[in-house]
Amino acid sequence: TRDLHMFGRHFLSGKENAEDPAISPLYARLEGMPPTLLSVGTEDP
């Protein structure tokens, strides 16, 4: 979790809103995206 906080701190200047879809695409409109394969492990934060 600390690593993720540090990565975010380096990536952003501190003024941006992390929920901005341009930064966090989870919040974007997703219509029209192509067929998508998502892969993840259970031991992944």
PDB file of all heavy atoms in Angstrom:
ATOM      1  N   THR A   1       0.834  -1.201   0.000  1.00  0.00           N
ATOM      2  CA  THR A   1       0.000   0.000   0.000  1.00  0.00           C
ATOM      3  C   THR A   1       0.871   1.253   0.000  1.00  0.00           C
ATOM      4  O   THR A   1       0.577   2.246  -0.682  1.00  0.00           O
ATOM      5  CB  THR A   1      -0.936  -0.007   1.223  1.00  0.00           C
ATOM      6  OG1 THR A   1      -1.791  -1.153   1.157  1.00  0.00           O
ATOM      7  CG2 THR A   1      -1.792   1.251   1.264  1.00  0.00           C
ATOM      8  N   ARG A   2       1.957   1.200   0.749  1.00  0.00           N
ATOM      9  CA  ARG A   2       2.877   2.342   0.766  1.00  0.00           C
ATOM     10  C   ARG A   2       3.461   2.584  -0.619  1.00  0.00           C
ATOM     11  O   ARG A   2       3.587   3.736  -1.057  1.00  0.00           O
ATOM     12  CB  ARG A   2       3.997   2.084   1.772  1.00  0.00           C
ATOM     13  CG  ARG A   2       5.062   3.183   1.807  1.00  0.00           C
ATOM     14  CD  ARG A   2       6.264   2.723   2.599  1.00  0.00           C
ATOM     15  NE  ARG A   2       7.353   3.683   2.577  1.00  0.00           N
ATOM     16  CZ  ARG A   2       8.628   3.345   2.648  1.00  0.00           C
ATOM     17  NH1 ARG A   2       8.979   2.055   2.726  1.00  0.00           N
ATOM     18  NH2 ARG A   2       9.571   4.253   2.646  1.00  0.00           N
ATOM     19  N   ASP A   3       3.855   1.522  -1.305  1.00  0.00           N
ATOM     20  CA  ASP A   3       4.388   1.673  -2.661  1.00  0.00           C
ATOM     21  C   ASP A   3       3.389   2.389  -3.554  1.00  0.00           C
ATOM     22  O   ASP A   3       3.751   3.304  -4.317  1.00  0.00           O
ATOM     23  CB  ASP A   3       4.711   0.308  -3.273  1.00  0.00           C
ATOM     24  CG  ASP A   3       5.862  -0.405  -2.594  1.00  0.00           C
ATOM     25  OD1 ASP A   3       6.770   0.283  -2.085  1.00  0.00           O
ATOM     26  OD2 ASP A   3       5.844  -1.647  -2.568  1.00  0.00           O
ATOM     27  N   LEU A   4       2.128   1.986  -3.472  1.00  0.00           N
ATOM     28  CA  LEU A   4       1.105   2.590  -4.318  1.00  0.00           C
ATOM     29  C   LEU A   4       0.942   4.076  -3.998  1.00  0.00           C
ATOM     30  O   LEU A   4       0.802   4.910  -4.901  1.00  0.00           O
ATOM     31  CB  LEU A   4      -0.221   1.848  -4.154  1.00  0.00           C
ATOM     32  CG  LEU A   4      -0.217   0.405  -4.667  1.00  0.00           C
ATOM     33  CD1 LEU A   4      -1.499  -0.314  -4.240  1.00  0.00           C
ATOM     34  CD2 LEU A   4      -0.072   0.368  -6.184  1.00  0.00           C
ATOM     35  N   HIS A   5       0.956   4.413  -2.703  1.00  0.00           N
ATOM     36  CA  HIS A   5       0.885   5.829  -2.329  1.00  0.00           C
ATOM     37  C   HIS A   5       2.078   6.599  -2.911  1.00  0.00           C
ATOM     38  O   HIS A   5       1.912   7.724  -3.411  1.00  0.00           O
ATOM     39  CB  HIS A   5       0.860   5.977  -0.802  1.00  0.00           C
ATOM     40  CG  HIS A   5      -0.472   5.728  -0.178  1.00  0.00           C
ATOM     41  ND1 HIS A   5      -1.600   6.429  -0.527  1.00  0.00           N
ATOM     42  CD2 HIS A   5      -0.859   4.842   0.789  1.00  0.00           C
ATOM     43  CE1 HIS A   5      -2.627   6.012   0.186  1.00  0.00           C
ATOM     44  NE2 HIS A   5      -2.209   5.050   0.987  1.00  0.00           N
ATOM     45  N   MET A   6       3.261   6.023  -2.839  1.00  0.00           N
ATOM     46  CA  MET A   6       4.459   6.690  -3.357  1.00  0.00           C
ATOM     47  C   MET A   6       4.388   6.838  -4.878  1.00  0.00           C
ATOM     48  O   MET A   6       4.747   7.891  -5.426  1.00  0.00           O
ATOM     49  CB  MET A   6       5.705   5.918  -2.956  1.00  0.00           C
ATOM     50  CG  MET A   6       5.995   5.938  -1.460  1.00  0.00           C
ATOM     51  SD  MET A   6       6.327   7.606  -0.821  1.00  0.00           S
ATOM     52  CE  MET A   6       7.906   7.967  -1.604  1.00  0.00           C
ATOM     53  N   PHE A   7       3.942   5.803  -5.565  1.00  0.00           N
ATOM     54  CA  PHE A   7       3.806   5.899  -7.017  1.00  0.00           C
ATOM     55  C   PHE A   7       2.829   7.017  -7.390  1.00  0.00           C
ATOM     56  O   PHE A   7       3.089   7.810  -8.298  1.00  0.00           O
ATOM     57  CB  PHE A   7       3.310   4.567  -7.592  1.00  0.00           C
ATOM     58  CG  PHE A   7       4.345   3.485  -7.617  1.00  0.00           C
ATOM     59  CD1 PHE A   7       4.009   2.183  -7.267  1.00  0.00           C
ATOM     60  CD2 PHE A   7       5.647   3.746  -8.004  1.00  0.00           C
ATOM     61  CE1 PHE A   7       4.953   1.165  -7.299  1.00  0.00           C
ATOM     62  CE2 PHE A   7       6.610   2.744  -8.037  1.00  0.00           C
ATOM     63  CZ  PHE A   7       6.259   1.453  -7.677  1.00  0.00           C
ATOM     64  N   GLY A   8       1.693   7.060  -6.680  1.00  0.00           N
ATOM     65  CA  GLY A   8       0.714   8.099  -6.963  1.00  0.00           C
ATOM     66  C   GLY A   8       1.254   9.488  -6.687  1.00  0.00           C
ATOM     67  O   GLY A   8       0.992  10.439  -7.428  1.00  0.00           O
ATOM     68  N   ARG A   9       2.043   9.617  -5.627  1.00  0.00           N
ATOM     69  CA  ARG A   9       2.631  10.910  -5.275  1.00  0.00           C
ATOM     70  C   ARG A   9       3.610  11.382  -6.351  1.00  0.00           C
ATOM     71  O   ARG A   9       3.674  12.562  -6.689  1.00  0.00           O
ATOM     72  CB  ARG A   9       3.333  10.796  -3.926  1.00  0.00           C
ATOM     73  CG  ARG A   9       3.812  12.126  -3.343  1.00  0.00           C
ATOM     74  CD  ARG A   9       4.491  11.903  -2.002  1.00  0.00           C
ATOM     75  NE  ARG A   9       3.628  11.190  -1.062  1.00  0.00           N
ATOM     76  CZ  ARG A   9       4.048  10.717   0.100  1.00  0.00           C
ATOM     77  NH1 ARG A   9       5.313  10.874   0.480  1.00  0.00           N
ATOM     78  NH2 ARG A   9       3.208  10.086   0.910  1.00  0.00           N
ATOM     79  N   HIS A  10       4.384  10.446  -6.903  1.00  0.00           N
ATOM     80  CA  HIS A  10       5.322  10.806  -7.965  1.00  0.00           C
ATOM     81  C   HIS A  10       4.592  11.129  -9.265  1.00  0.00           C
ATOM     82  O   HIS A  10       5.008  12.027 -10.015  1.00  0.00           O
ATOM     83  CB  HIS A  10       6.296   9.655  -8.211  1.00  0.00           C
ATOM     84  CG  HIS A  10       7.378   9.538  -7.188  1.00  0.00           C
ATOM     85  ND1 HIS A  10       8.135  10.611  -6.767  1.00  0.00           N
ATOM     86  CD2 HIS A  10       7.851   8.460  -6.494  1.00  0.00           C
ATOM     87  CE1 HIS A  10       9.020  10.215  -5.871  1.00  0.00           C
ATOM     88  NE2 HIS A  10       8.873   8.912  -5.687  1.00  0.00           N
ATOM     89  N   PHE A  11       3.534  10.392  -9.554  1.00  0.00           N
ATOM     90  CA  PHE A  11       2.814  10.548 -10.825  1.00  0.00           C
ATOM     91  C   PHE A  11       2.038  11.853 -10.881  1.00  0.00           C
ATOM     92  O   PHE A  11       1.966  12.517 -11.922  1.00  0.00           O
ATOM     93  CB  PHE A  11       1.869   9.359 -11.009  1.00  0.00           C
ATOM     94  CG  PHE A  11       1.086   9.359 -12.284  1.00  0.00           C
ATOM     95  CD1 PHE A  11       1.702   9.500 -13.521  1.00  0.00           C
ATOM     96  CD2 PHE A  11      -0.293   9.199 -12.247  1.00  0.00           C
ATOM     97  CE1 PHE A  11       0.967   9.481 -14.702  1.00  0.00           C
ATOM     98  CE2 PHE A  11      -1.036   9.175 -13.421  1.00  0.00           C
ATOM     99  CZ  PHE A  11      -0.401   9.318 -14.646  1.00  0.00           C
ATOM    100  N   LEU A  12       1.453  12.254  -9.751  1.00  0.00           N
ATOM    101  CA  LEU A  12       0.616  13.449  -9.698  1.00  0.00           C
ATOM    102  C   LEU A  12       1.333  14.570  -8.955  1.00  0.00           C
ATOM    103  O   LEU A  12       2.145  14.325  -8.078  1.00  0.00           O
ATOM    104  CB  LEU A  12      -0.708  13.129  -9.005  1.00  0.00           C
ATOM    105  CG  LEU A  12      -1.528  11.979  -9.625  1.00  0.00           C
ATOM    106  CD1 LEU A  12      -2.765  11.712  -8.782  1.00  0.00           C
ATOM    107  CD2 LEU A  12      -1.909  12.300 -11.062  1.00  0.00           C
ATOM    108  N   SER A  13       0.980  15.786  -9.313  1.00  0.00           N
ATOM    109  CA  SER A  13       1.623  16.937  -8.675  1.00  0.00           C
ATOM    110  C   SER A  13       1.038  17.231  -7.303  1.00  0.00           C
ATOM    111  O   SER A  13       1.613  17.986  -6.527  1.00  0.00           O
ATOM    112  CB  SER A  13       1.460  18.178  -9.567  1.00  0.00           C
ATOM    113  OG  SER A  13       0.092  18.570  -9.625  1.00  0.00           O
ATOM    114  N   GLY A  14      -0.110  16.631  -6.999  1.00  0.00           N
ATOM    115  CA  GLY A  14      -0.760  16.873  -5.721  1.00  0.00           C
ATOM    116  C   GLY A  14      -2.007  17.705  -5.837  1.00  0.00           C
ATOM    117  O   GLY A  14      -2.811  17.773  -4.902  1.00  0.00           O
ATOM    118  N   LYS A  15      -2.203  18.330  -6.984  1.00  0.00           N
ATOM    119  CA  LYS A  15      -3.371  19.191  -7.189  1.00  0.00           C
ATOM    120  C   LYS A  15      -4.494  18.465  -7.920  1.00  0.00           C
ATOM    121  O   LYS A  15      -5.636  18.912  -7.914  1.00  0.00           O
ATOM    122  CB  LYS A  15      -2.966  20.442  -7.967  1.00  0.00           C
ATOM    123  CG  LYS A  15      -1.908  21.295  -7.276  1.00  0.00           C
ATOM    124  CD  LYS A  15      -1.523  22.497  -8.131  1.00  0.00           C
ATOM    125  CE  LYS A  15      -0.441  23.338  -7.460  1.00  0.00           C
ATOM    126  NZ  LYS A  15      -0.035  24.491  -8.306  1.00  0.00           N
ATOM    127  N   GLU A  16      -4.162  17.344  -8.565  1.00  0.00           N
ATOM    128  CA  GLU A  16      -5.154  16.647  -9.363  1.00  0.00           C
ATOM    129  C   GLU A  16      -6.115  15.843  -8.480  1.00  0.00           C
ATOM    130  O   GLU A  16      -5.785  15.440  -7.375  1.00  0.00           O
ATOM    131  CB  GLU A  16      -4.486  15.695 -10.365  1.00  0.00           C
ATOM    132  CG  GLU A  16      -3.593  16.377 -11.376  1.00  0.00           C
ATOM    133  CD  GLU A  16      -2.158  16.522 -10.888  1.00  0.00           C
ATOM    134  OE1 GLU A  16      -1.906  16.247  -9.694  1.00  0.00           O
ATOM    135  OE2 GLU A  16      -1.309  16.905 -11.699  1.00  0.00           O
ATOM    136  N   ASN A  17      -7.290  15.593  -9.004  1.00  0.00           N
ATOM    137  CA  ASN A  17      -8.286  14.763  -8.347  1.00  0.00           C
ATOM    138  C   ASN A  17      -8.095  13.329  -8.833  1.00  0.00           C
ATOM    139  O   ASN A  17      -8.212  13.049 -10.034  1.00  0.00           O
ATOM    140  CB  ASN A  17      -9.690  15.262  -8.700  1.00  0.00           C
ATOM    141  CG  ASN A  17     -10.782  14.398  -8.093  1.00  0.00           C
ATOM    142  OD1 ASN A  17     -10.519  13.480  -7.317  1.00  0.00           O
ATOM    143  ND2 ASN A  17     -12.014  14.688  -8.460  1.00  0.00           N
ATOM    144  N   ALA A  18      -7.806  12.416  -7.921  1.00  0.00           N
ATOM    145  CA  ALA A  18      -7.543  11.025  -8.305  1.00  0.00           C
ATOM    146  C   ALA A  18      -8.753  10.365  -8.944  1.00  0.00           C
ATOM    147  O   ALA A  18      -8.613   9.353  -9.634  1.00  0.00           O
ATOM    148  CB  ALA A  18      -7.094  10.217  -7.092  1.00  0.00           C
ATOM    149  N   GLU A  19      -9.953  10.919  -8.729  1.00  0.00           N
ATOM    150  CA  GLU A  19     -11.152  10.362  -9.341  1.00  0.00           C
ATOM    151  C   GLU A  19     -11.442  10.948 -10.716  1.00  0.00           C
ATOM    152  O   GLU A  19     -12.446  10.606 -11.333  1.00  0.00           O
ATOM    153  CB  GLU A  19     -12.362  10.558  -8.417  1.00  0.00           C
ATOM    154  CG  GLU A  19     -12.242   9.780  -7.108  1.00  0.00           C
ATOM    155  CD  GLU A  19     -13.469   9.915  -6.233  1.00  0.00           C
ATOM    156  OE1 GLU A  19     -14.443  10.570  -6.663  1.00  0.00           O
ATOM    157  OE2 GLU A  19     -13.462   9.365  -5.121  1.00  0.00           O
ATOM    158  N   ASP A  20     -10.563  11.804 -11.204  1.00  0.00           N
ATOM    159  CA  ASP A  20     -10.684  12.317 -12.568  1.00  0.00           C
ATOM    160  C   ASP A  20     -10.516  11.138 -13.523  1.00  0.00           C
ATOM    161  O   ASP A  20      -9.518  10.419 -13.460  1.00  0.00           O
ATOM    162  CB  ASP A  20      -9.589  13.361 -12.809  1.00  0.00           C
ATOM    163  CG  ASP A  20      -9.670  14.007 -14.178  1.00  0.00           C
ATOM    164  OD1 ASP A  20     -10.310  13.448 -15.090  1.00  0.00           O
ATOM    165  OD2 ASP A  20      -9.057  15.082 -14.352  1.00  0.00           O
ATOM    166  N   PRO A  21     -11.473  10.900 -14.434  1.00  0.00           N
ATOM    167  CA  PRO A  21     -11.353   9.770 -15.359  1.00  0.00           C
ATOM    168  C   PRO A  21     -10.090   9.800 -16.201  1.00  0.00           C
ATOM    169  O   PRO A  21      -9.630   8.753 -16.657  1.00  0.00           O
ATOM    170  CB  PRO A  21     -12.601   9.900 -16.240  1.00  0.00           C
ATOM    171  CG  PRO A  21     -13.578  10.660 -15.405  1.00  0.00           C
ATOM    172  CD  PRO A  21     -12.750  11.612 -14.594  1.00  0.00           C
ATOM    173  N   ALA A  22      -9.511  10.989 -16.396  1.00  0.00           N
ATOM    174  CA  ALA A  22      -8.268  11.082 -17.163  1.00  0.00           C
ATOM    175  C   ALA A  22      -7.102  10.478 -16.393  1.00  0.00           C
ATOM    176  O   ALA A  22      -6.082  10.111 -16.987  1.00  0.00           O
ATOM    177  CB  ALA A  22      -7.966  12.550 -17.494  1.00  0.00           C
ATOM    178  N   ILE A  23      -7.248  10.358 -15.072  1.00  0.00           N
ATOM    179  CA  ILE A  23      -6.202   9.806 -14.208  1.00  0.00           C
ATOM    180  C   ILE A  23      -6.532   8.377 -13.801  1.00  0.00           C
ATOM    181  O   ILE A  23      -5.681   7.487 -13.875  1.00  0.00           O
ATOM    182  CB  ILE A  23      -6.030  10.695 -12.960  1.00  0.00           C
ATOM    183  CG1 ILE A  23      -5.494  12.068 -13.370  1.00  0.00           C
ATOM    184  CG2 ILE A  23      -5.121  10.030 -11.935  1.00  0.00           C
ATOM    185  CD1 ILE A  23      -5.542  13.103 -12.269  1.00  0.00           C
ATOM    186  N   SER A  24      -7.765   8.157 -13.390  1.00  0.00           N
ATOM    187  CA  SER A  24      -8.235   6.840 -12.953  1.00  0.00           C
ATOM    188  C   SER A  24      -9.329   6.370 -13.905  1.00  0.00           C
ATOM    189  O   SER A  24     -10.501   6.739 -13.743  1.00  0.00           O
ATOM    190  CB  SER A  24      -8.774   6.911 -11.525  1.00  0.00           C
ATOM    191  OG  SER A  24      -7.755   7.264 -10.614  1.00  0.00           O
ATOM    192  N   PRO A  25      -8.993   5.561 -14.903  1.00  0.00           N
ATOM    193  CA  PRO A  25      -9.978   5.202 -15.928  1.00  0.00           C
ATOM    194  C   PRO A  25     -11.143   4.364 -15.424  1.00  0.00           C
ATOM    195  O   PRO A  25     -12.116   4.174 -16.162  1.00  0.00           O
ATOM    196  CB  PRO A  25      -9.145   4.427 -16.959  1.00  0.00           C
ATOM    197  CG  PRO A  25      -7.941   3.965 -16.223  1.00  0.00           C
ATOM    198  CD  PRO A  25      -7.657   5.017 -15.198  1.00  0.00           C
ATOM    199  N   LEU A  26     -11.091   3.894 -14.177  1.00  0.00           N
ATOM    200  CA  LEU A  26     -12.238   3.183 -13.622  1.00  0.00           C
ATOM    201  C   LEU A  26     -13.477   4.071 -13.626  1.00  0.00           C
ATOM    202  O   LEU A  26     -14.608   3.575 -13.693  1.00  0.00           O
ATOM    203  CB  LEU A  26     -11.924   2.728 -12.185  1.00  0.00           C
ATOM    204  CG  LEU A  26     -13.003   1.922 -11.469  1.00  0.00           C
ATOM    205  CD1 LEU A  26     -13.230   0.574 -12.165  1.00  0.00           C
ATOM    206  CD2 LEU A  26     -12.632   1.693 -10.010  1.00  0.00           C
ATOM    207  N   TYR A  27     -13.273   5.399 -13.565  1.00  0.00           N
ATOM    208  CA  TYR A  27     -14.376   6.344 -13.486  1.00  0.00           C
ATOM    209  C   TYR A  27     -14.813   6.879 -14.851  1.00  0.00           C
ATOM    210  O   TYR A  27     -15.703   7.724 -14.926  1.00  0.00           O
ATOM    211  CB  TYR A  27     -13.983   7.519 -12.572  1.00  0.00           C
ATOM    212  CG  TYR A  27     -13.691   7.087 -11.166  1.00  0.00           C
ATOM    213  CD1 TYR A  27     -12.383   6.844 -10.756  1.00  0.00           C
ATOM    214  CD2 TYR A  27     -14.717   6.888 -10.251  1.00  0.00           C
ATOM    215  CE1 TYR A  27     -12.108   6.428  -9.461  1.00  0.00           C
ATOM    216  CE2 TYR A  27     -14.454   6.471  -8.957  1.00  0.00           C
ATOM    217  CZ  TYR A  27     -13.141   6.241  -8.569  1.00  0.00           C
ATOM    218  OH  TYR A  27     -12.872   5.814  -7.296  1.00  0.00           O
ATOM    219  N   ALA A  28     -14.212   6.388 -15.919  1.00  0.00           N
ATOM    220  CA  ALA A  28     -14.517   6.890 -17.262  1.00  0.00           C
ATOM    221  C   ALA A  28     -15.757   6.219 -17.836  1.00  0.00           C
ATOM    222  O   ALA A  28     -16.186   5.157 -17.389  1.00  0.00           O
ATOM    223  CB  ALA A  28     -13.324   6.640 -18.192  1.00  0.00           C
ATOM    224  N   ARG A  29     -16.347   6.858 -18.845  1.00  0.00           N
ATOM    225  CA  ARG A  29     -17.356   6.173 -19.667  1.00  0.00           C
ATOM    226  C   ARG A  29     -16.624   5.124 -20.493  1.00  0.00           C
ATOM    227  O   ARG A  29     -15.628   5.426 -21.139  1.00  0.00           O
ATOM    228  CB  ARG A  29     -18.051   7.170 -20.597  1.00  0.00           C
ATOM    229  CG  ARG A  29     -18.976   8.156 -19.912  1.00  0.00           C
ATOM    230  CD  ARG A  29     -19.767   8.970 -20.940  1.00  0.00           C
ATOM    231  NE  ARG A  29     -18.898   9.561 -21.955  1.00  0.00           N
ATOM    232  CZ  ARG A  29     -18.732   9.102 -23.197  1.00  0.00           C
ATOM    233  NH1 ARG A  29     -19.367   8.008 -23.586  1.00  0.00           N
ATOM    234  NH2 ARG A  29     -17.922   9.714 -24.037  1.00  0.00           N
ATOM    235  N   LEU A  30     -17.119   3.904 -20.502  1.00  0.00           N
ATOM    236  CA  LEU A  30     -16.389   2.806 -21.123  1.00  0.00           C
ATOM    237  C   LEU A  30     -17.081   2.246 -22.369  1.00  0.00           C
ATOM    238  O   LEU A  30     -16.598   1.264 -22.951  1.00  0.00           O
ATOM    239  CB  LEU A  30     -16.187   1.686 -20.093  1.00  0.00           C
ATOM    240  CG  LEU A  30     -15.364   2.096 -18.862  1.00  0.00           C
ATOM    241  CD1 LEU A  30     -15.393   0.984 -17.813  1.00  0.00           C
ATOM    242  CD2 LEU A  30     -13.924   2.419 -19.260  1.00  0.00           C
ATOM    243  N   GLU A  31     -18.168   2.869 -22.792  1.00  0.00           N
ATOM    244  CA  GLU A  31     -18.853   2.396 -23.982  1.00  0.00           C
ATOM    245  C   GLU A  31     -17.933   2.427 -25.199  1.00  0.00           C
ATOM    246  O   GLU A  31     -17.137   3.349 -25.358  1.00  0.00           O
ATOM    247  CB  GLU A  31     -20.095   3.263 -24.264  1.00  0.00           C
ATOM    248  CG  GLU A  31     -21.216   3.124 -23.262  1.00  0.00           C
ATOM    249  CD  GLU A  31     -21.004   3.931 -21.991  1.00  0.00           C
ATOM    250  OE1 GLU A  31     -20.007   4.685 -21.934  1.00  0.00           O
ATOM    251  OE2 GLU A  31     -21.812   3.808 -21.059  1.00  0.00           O
ATOM    252  N   GLY A  32     -18.064   1.427 -26.038  1.00  0.00           N
ATOM    253  CA  GLY A  32     -17.295   1.406 -27.284  1.00  0.00           C
ATOM    254  C   GLY A  32     -15.921   0.799 -27.171  1.00  0.00           C
ATOM    255  O   GLY A  32     -15.203   0.729 -28.169  1.00  0.00           O
ATOM    256  N   MET A  33     -15.525   0.357 -25.972  1.00  0.00           N
ATOM    257  CA  MET A  33     -14.237  -0.301 -25.856  1.00  0.00           C
ATOM    258  C   MET A  33     -14.291  -1.666 -26.562  1.00  0.00           C
ATOM    259  O   MET A  33     -15.342  -2.282 -26.649  1.00  0.00           O
ATOM    260  CB  MET A  33     -13.849  -0.472 -24.394  1.00  0.00           C
ATOM    261  CG  MET A  33     -13.497   0.830 -23.673  1.00  0.00           C
ATOM    262  SD  MET A  33     -12.031   1.659 -24.367  1.00  0.00           S
ATOM    263  CE  MET A  33     -12.806   2.874 -25.465  1.00  0.00           C
ATOM    264  N   PRO A  34     -13.148  -2.129 -27.059  1.00  0.00           N
ATOM    265  CA  PRO A  34     -13.126  -3.389 -27.811  1.00  0.00           C
ATOM    266  C   PRO A  34     -13.257  -4.598 -26.890  1.00  0.00           C
ATOM    267  O   PRO A  34     -13.226  -4.457 -25.658  1.00  0.00           O
ATOM    268  CB  PRO A  34     -11.738  -3.363 -28.465  1.00  0.00           C
ATOM    269  CG  PRO A  34     -10.909  -2.577 -27.506  1.00  0.00           C
ATOM    270  CD  PRO A  34     -11.822  -1.515 -26.968  1.00  0.00           C
ATOM    271  N   PRO A  35     -13.413  -5.800 -27.454  1.00  0.00           N
ATOM    272  CA  PRO A  35     -13.372  -7.000 -26.614  1.00  0.00           C
ATOM    273  C   PRO A  35     -12.155  -6.962 -25.706  1.00  0.00           C
ATOM    274  O   PRO A  35     -11.037  -6.716 -26.167  1.00  0.00           O
ATOM    275  CB  PRO A  35     -13.287  -8.132 -27.642  1.00  0.00           C
ATOM    276  CG  PRO A  35     -13.984  -7.582 -28.846  1.00  0.00           C
ATOM    277  CD  PRO A  35     -13.610  -6.120 -28.870  1.00  0.00           C
ATOM    278  N   THR A  36     -12.376  -7.196 -24.407  1.00  0.00           N
ATOM    279  CA  THR A  36     -11.324  -6.982 -23.409  1.00  0.00           C
ATOM    280  C   THR A  36     -11.107  -8.232 -22.574  1.00  0.00           C
ATOM    281  O   THR A  36     -12.064  -8.831 -22.070  1.00  0.00           O
ATOM    282  CB  THR A  36     -11.699  -5.801 -22.491  1.00  0.00           C
ATOM    283  OG1 THR A  36     -11.870  -4.614 -23.281  1.00  0.00           O
ATOM    284  CG2 THR A  36     -10.615  -5.558 -21.452  1.00  0.00           C
ATOM    285  N   LEU A  37      -9.849  -8.596 -22.432  1.00  0.00           N
ATOM    286  CA  LEU A  37      -9.435  -9.674 -21.530  1.00  0.00           C
ATOM    287  C   LEU A  37      -8.740  -9.047 -20.334  1.00  0.00           C
ATOM    288  O   LEU A  37      -7.735  -8.339 -20.491  1.00  0.00           O
ATOM    289  CB  LEU A  37      -8.488 -10.649 -22.236  1.00  0.00           C
ATOM    290  CG  LEU A  37      -7.823 -11.716 -21.355  1.00  0.00           C
ATOM    291  CD1 LEU A  37      -8.860 -12.621 -20.714  1.00  0.00           C
ATOM    292  CD2 LEU A  37      -6.820 -12.537 -22.159  1.00  0.00           C
ATOM    293  N   LEU A  38      -9.275  -9.305 -19.134  1.00  0.00           N
ATOM    294  CA  LEU A  38      -8.696  -8.815 -17.889  1.00  0.00           C
ATOM    295  C   LEU A  38      -8.119  -9.997 -17.127  1.00  0.00           C
ATOM    296  O   LEU A  38      -8.785 -11.016 -16.960  1.00  0.00           O
ATOM    297  CB  LEU A  38      -9.760  -8.131 -17.036  1.00  0.00           C
ATOM    298  CG  LEU A  38     -10.473  -6.923 -17.655  1.00  0.00           C
ATOM    299  CD1 LEU A  38     -11.640  -6.505 -16.777  1.00  0.00           C
ATOM    300  CD2 LEU A  38      -9.512  -5.770 -17.840  1.00  0.00           C
ATOM    301  N   SER A  39      -6.886  -9.840 -16.653  1.00  0.00           N
ATOM    302  CA  SER A  39      -6.221 -10.927 -15.937  1.00  0.00           C
ATOM    303  C   SER A  39      -5.587 -10.385 -14.665  1.00  0.00           C
ATOM    304  O   SER A  39      -4.952  -9.328 -14.677  1.00  0.00           O
ATOM    305  CB  SER A  39      -5.142 -11.568 -16.830  1.00  0.00           C
ATOM    306  OG  SER A  39      -4.494 -12.628 -16.152  1.00  0.00           O
ATOM    307  N   VAL A  40      -5.751 -11.135 -13.558  1.00  0.00           N
ATOM    308  CA  VAL A  40      -5.196 -10.711 -12.280  1.00  0.00           C
ATOM    309  C   VAL A  40      -5.066 -11.942 -11.384  1.00  0.00           C
ATOM    310  O   VAL A  40      -5.762 -12.950 -11.580  1.00  0.00           O
ATOM    311  CB  VAL A  40      -6.097  -9.645 -11.614  1.00  0.00           C
ATOM    312  CG1 VAL A  40      -7.410 -10.242 -11.138  1.00  0.00           C
ATOM    313  CG2 VAL A  40      -5.381  -8.917 -10.484  1.00  0.00           C
ATOM    314  N   GLY A  41      -4.161 -11.883 -10.404  1.00  0.00           N
ATOM    315  CA  GLY A  41      -4.018 -12.954  -9.429  1.00  0.00           C
ATOM    316  C   GLY A  41      -4.688 -12.588  -8.117  1.00  0.00           C
ATOM    317  O   GLY A  41      -4.914 -11.412  -7.822  1.00  0.00           O
ATOM    318  N   THR A  42      -4.992 -13.590  -7.315  1.00  0.00           N
ATOM    319  CA  THR A  42      -5.653 -13.323  -6.037  1.00  0.00           C
ATOM    320  C   THR A  42      -4.709 -12.716  -5.006  1.00  0.00           C
ATOM    321  O   THR A  42      -5.157 -12.102  -4.043  1.00  0.00           O
ATOM    322  CB  THR A  42      -6.257 -14.611  -5.453  1.00  0.00           C
ATOM    323  OG1 THR A  42      -5.217 -15.566  -5.241  1.00  0.00           O
ATOM    324  CG2 THR A  42      -7.306 -15.198  -6.377  1.00  0.00           C
ATOM    325  N   GLU A  43      -3.385 -12.869  -5.206  1.00  0.00           N
ATOM    326  CA  GLU A  43      -2.420 -12.292  -4.271  1.00  0.00           C
ATOM    327  C   GLU A  43      -1.860 -10.988  -4.840  1.00  0.00           C
ATOM    328  O   GLU A  43      -0.650 -10.776  -4.894  1.00  0.00           O
ATOM    329  CB  GLU A  43      -1.292 -13.291  -3.996  1.00  0.00           C
ATOM    330  CG  GLU A  43      -1.760 -14.600  -3.401  1.00  0.00           C
ATOM    331  CD  GLU A  43      -2.521 -14.397  -2.112  1.00  0.00           C
ATOM    332  OE1 GLU A  43      -2.034 -13.636  -1.249  1.00  0.00           O
ATOM    333  OE2 GLU A  43      -3.607 -14.989  -1.964  1.00  0.00           O
ATOM    334  N   ASP A  44      -2.748 -10.133  -5.267  1.00  0.00           N
ATOM    335  CA  ASP A  44      -2.395  -8.851  -5.884  1.00  0.00           C
ATOM    336  C   ASP A  44      -3.208  -7.766  -5.206  1.00  0.00           C
ATOM    337  O   ASP A  44      -4.440  -7.869  -5.147  1.00  0.00           O
ATOM    338  CB  ASP A  44      -2.716  -8.904  -7.385  1.00  0.00           C
ATOM    339  CG  ASP A  44      -2.204  -7.700  -8.160  1.00  0.00           C
ATOM    340  OD1 ASP A  44      -2.070  -6.612  -7.567  1.00  0.00           O
ATOM    341  OD2 ASP A  44      -1.939  -7.840  -9.362  1.00  0.00           O
ATOM    342  N   PRO A  45      -2.572  -6.709  -4.678  1.00  0.00           N
ATOM    343  CA  PRO A  45      -3.330  -5.638  -4.047  1.00  0.00           C
ATOM    344  C   PRO A  45      -4.295  -4.940  -4.999  1.00  0.00           C
ATOM    345  O   PRO A  45      -5.233  -4.278  -4.551  1.00  0.00           O
ATOM    346  CB  PRO A  45      -2.245  -4.669  -3.555  1.00  0.00           C
ATOM    347  CG  PRO A  45      -1.052  -4.974  -4.376  1.00  0.00           C
ATOM    348  CD  PRO A  45      -1.119  -6.445  -4.652  1.00  0.00           C
TER     349      PRO A  45
END
